[in-house]
C-alpha atoms as a PDB file:
ATOM      1  CA  MET A   1     156.419  92.853  45.214  1.00  0.00           C
ATOM      2  CA  SER A   2     153.814  92.600  47.920  1.00  0.00           C
ATOM      3  CA  ARG A   3     150.420  94.680  47.674  1.00  0.00           C
ATOM      4  CA  LEU A   4     151.660  96.673  50.644  1.00  0.00           C
ATOM      5  CA  ASP A   5     154.643  97.828  48.677  1.00  0.00           C
ATOM      6  CA  GLU A   6     152.806  98.586  45.533  1.00  0.00           C
ATOM      7  CA  ILE A   7     150.501 100.977  47.449  1.00  0.00           C
ATOM      8  CA  LYS A   8     153.481 102.607  49.254  1.00  0.00           C
ATOM      9  CA  SER A   9     155.213 103.122  45.846  1.00  0.00           C
ATOM     10  CA  ARG A  10     152.175 104.661  44.278  1.00  0.00           C
ATOM     11  CA  ILE A  11     151.767 107.083  47.161  1.00  0.00           C
ATOM     12  CA  ASP A  12     155.197 108.208  46.945  1.00  0.00           C
ATOM     13  CA  TRP A  13     154.941 108.585  43.233  1.00  0.00           C
ATOM     14  CA  LEU A  14     151.731 110.566  43.645  1.00  0.00           C
ATOM     15  CA  LYS A  15     153.385 112.798  46.264  1.00  0.00           C
ATOM     16  CA  ASP A  16     156.253 113.538  43.994  1.00  0.00           C
ATOM     17  CA  LEU A  17     153.667 114.425  41.328  1.00  0.00           C
ATOM     18  CA  PHE A  18     151.936 116.724  43.431  1.00  0.00           C
ATOM     19  CA  LYS A  19     154.964 118.382  44.610  1.00  0.00           C
ATOM     20  CA  ILE A  20     155.870 119.045  40.899  1.00  0.00           C
ATOM     21  CA  VAL A  21     152.352 120.336  40.019  1.00  0.00           C
ATOM     22  CA  ILE A  22     152.631 122.816  43.173  1.00  0.00           C
ATOM     23  CA  ALA A  23     156.042 123.860  41.915  1.00  0.00           C
ATOM     24  CA  ILE A  24     154.658 124.627  38.520  1.00  0.00           C
ATOM     25  CA  MET A  25     151.588 126.555  39.989  1.00  0.00           C
ATOM     26  CA  VAL A  26     154.245 128.772  42.214  1.00  0.00           C
ATOM     27  CA  ALA A  27     156.241 129.418  39.248  1.00  0.00           C
ATOM     28  CA  ASP A  28     153.167 130.357  37.088  1.00  0.00           C
ATOM     29  CA  VAL A  29     151.948 132.789  39.667  1.00  0.00           C
ATOM     30  CA  ALA A  30     155.401 134.339  40.004  1.00  0.00           C
ATOM     31  CA  GLY A  31     155.550 134.849  36.284  1.00  0.00           C
ATOM     32  CA  MET A  32     152.046 136.154  36.076  1.00  0.00           C
ATOM     33  CA  ALA A  33     152.942 138.567  38.971  1.00  0.00           C
ATOM     34  CA  THR A  34     156.047 139.723  37.136  1.00  0.00           C
ATOM     35  CA  LEU A  35     154.249 140.501  34.093  1.00  0.00           C
ATOM     36  CA  TYR A  36     151.558 142.257  35.875  1.00  0.00           C
ATOM     37  CA  MET A  37     154.212 144.453  37.641  1.00  0.00           C
ATOM     38  CA  ASP A  38     155.933 145.110  34.241  1.00  0.00           C
ATOM     39  CA  ASP A  39     152.601 145.998  32.884  1.00  0.00           C
ATOM     40  CA  LYS A  40     153.006 143.604  30.001  1.00  0.00           C
ATOM     41  CA  MET A  41     149.706 141.878  30.242  1.00  0.00           C
ATOM     42  CA  GLY A  42     149.542 140.151  26.835  1.00  0.00           C
ATOM     43  CA  LEU A  43     148.835 136.492  25.744  1.00  0.00           C
ATOM     44  CA  LEU A  44     151.275 135.080  28.018  1.00  0.00           C
ATOM     45  CA  PHE A  45     149.715 136.475  31.171  1.00  0.00           C
ATOM     46  CA  TYR A  46     146.326 135.418  29.982  1.00  0.00           C
ATOM     47  CA  MET A  47     147.469 131.860  29.249  1.00  0.00           C
ATOM     48  CA  GLY A  48     148.975 131.713  32.608  1.00  0.00           C
ATOM     49  CA  GLY A  49     145.839 132.558  34.214  1.00  0.00           C
ATOM     50  CA  LEU A  50     143.833 130.005  32.190  1.00  0.00           C
ATOM     51  CA  LEU A  51     146.326 127.284  33.287  1.00  0.00           C
ATOM     52  CA  LEU A  52     145.979 127.891  36.829  1.00  0.00           C
ATOM     53  CA  PRO A  53     142.405 126.222  37.336  1.00  0.00           C
ATOM     54  CA  LEU A  54     143.871 123.245  35.340  1.00  0.00           C
ATOM     55  CA  PHE A  55     146.624 122.959  37.767  1.00  0.00           C
ATOM     56  CA  ALA A  56     144.435 123.385  40.679  1.00  0.00           C
ATOM     57  CA  ALA A  57     142.030 120.649  39.481  1.00  0.00           C
ATOM     58  CA  SER A  58     145.005 118.230  38.991  1.00  0.00           C
ATOM     59  CA  CYS A  59     146.114 118.985  42.531  1.00  0.00           C
ATOM     60  CA  THR A  60     142.548 118.220  43.746  1.00  0.00           C
ATOM     61  CA  VAL A  61     142.335 114.755  41.732  1.00  0.00           C
ATOM     62  CA  ILE A  62     145.991 113.895  42.983  1.00  0.00           C
ATOM     63  CA  SER A  63     145.169 114.541  46.471  1.00  0.00           C
ATOM     64  CA  ARG A  64     142.017 112.481  46.268  1.00  0.00           C
ATOM     65  CA  LYS A  65     143.842 109.626  44.815  1.00  0.00           C
ATOM     66  CA  ILE A  66     146.583 109.903  47.440  1.00  0.00           C
ATOM     67  CA  GLU A  67     143.639 109.764  50.069  1.00  0.00           C
ATOM     68  CA  LEU A  68     142.235 106.744  48.182  1.00  0.00           C
ATOM     69  CA  HIS A  69     145.424 104.868  48.457  1.00  0.00           C
ATOM     70  CA  LEU A  70     146.031 105.645  52.061  1.00  0.00           C
ATOM     71  CA  ASN A  71     142.538 104.430  52.964  1.00  0.00           C
ATOM     72  CA  GLU A  72     143.405 101.228  50.904  1.00  0.00           C
ATOM     73  CA  LEU A  73     146.612 100.928  52.843  1.00  0.00           C
ATOM     74  CA  GLY A  74     144.851 101.328  56.165  1.00  0.00           C
ATOM     75  CA  GLU A  75     142.539  98.385  55.236  1.00  0.00           C
ATOM     76  CA  LEU A  76     145.585  96.044  54.734  1.00  0.00           C
END
């Protein structure tokens, strides 16, 4: 496989991973909203709140890696 194909496949894989993390974040926020509306703010609610910064940080890391690979692709 050529270097160009390797970079393209990495970008595609990272884009899919980014979509999965965003979907998990949306589900987490929806679950927290449901718990808040039902006035059941227990351990599950607070764990969801603690996981949001982790998901946001992973989205940032993934997007930076995508940007690096795109720059590398532009150099080829």
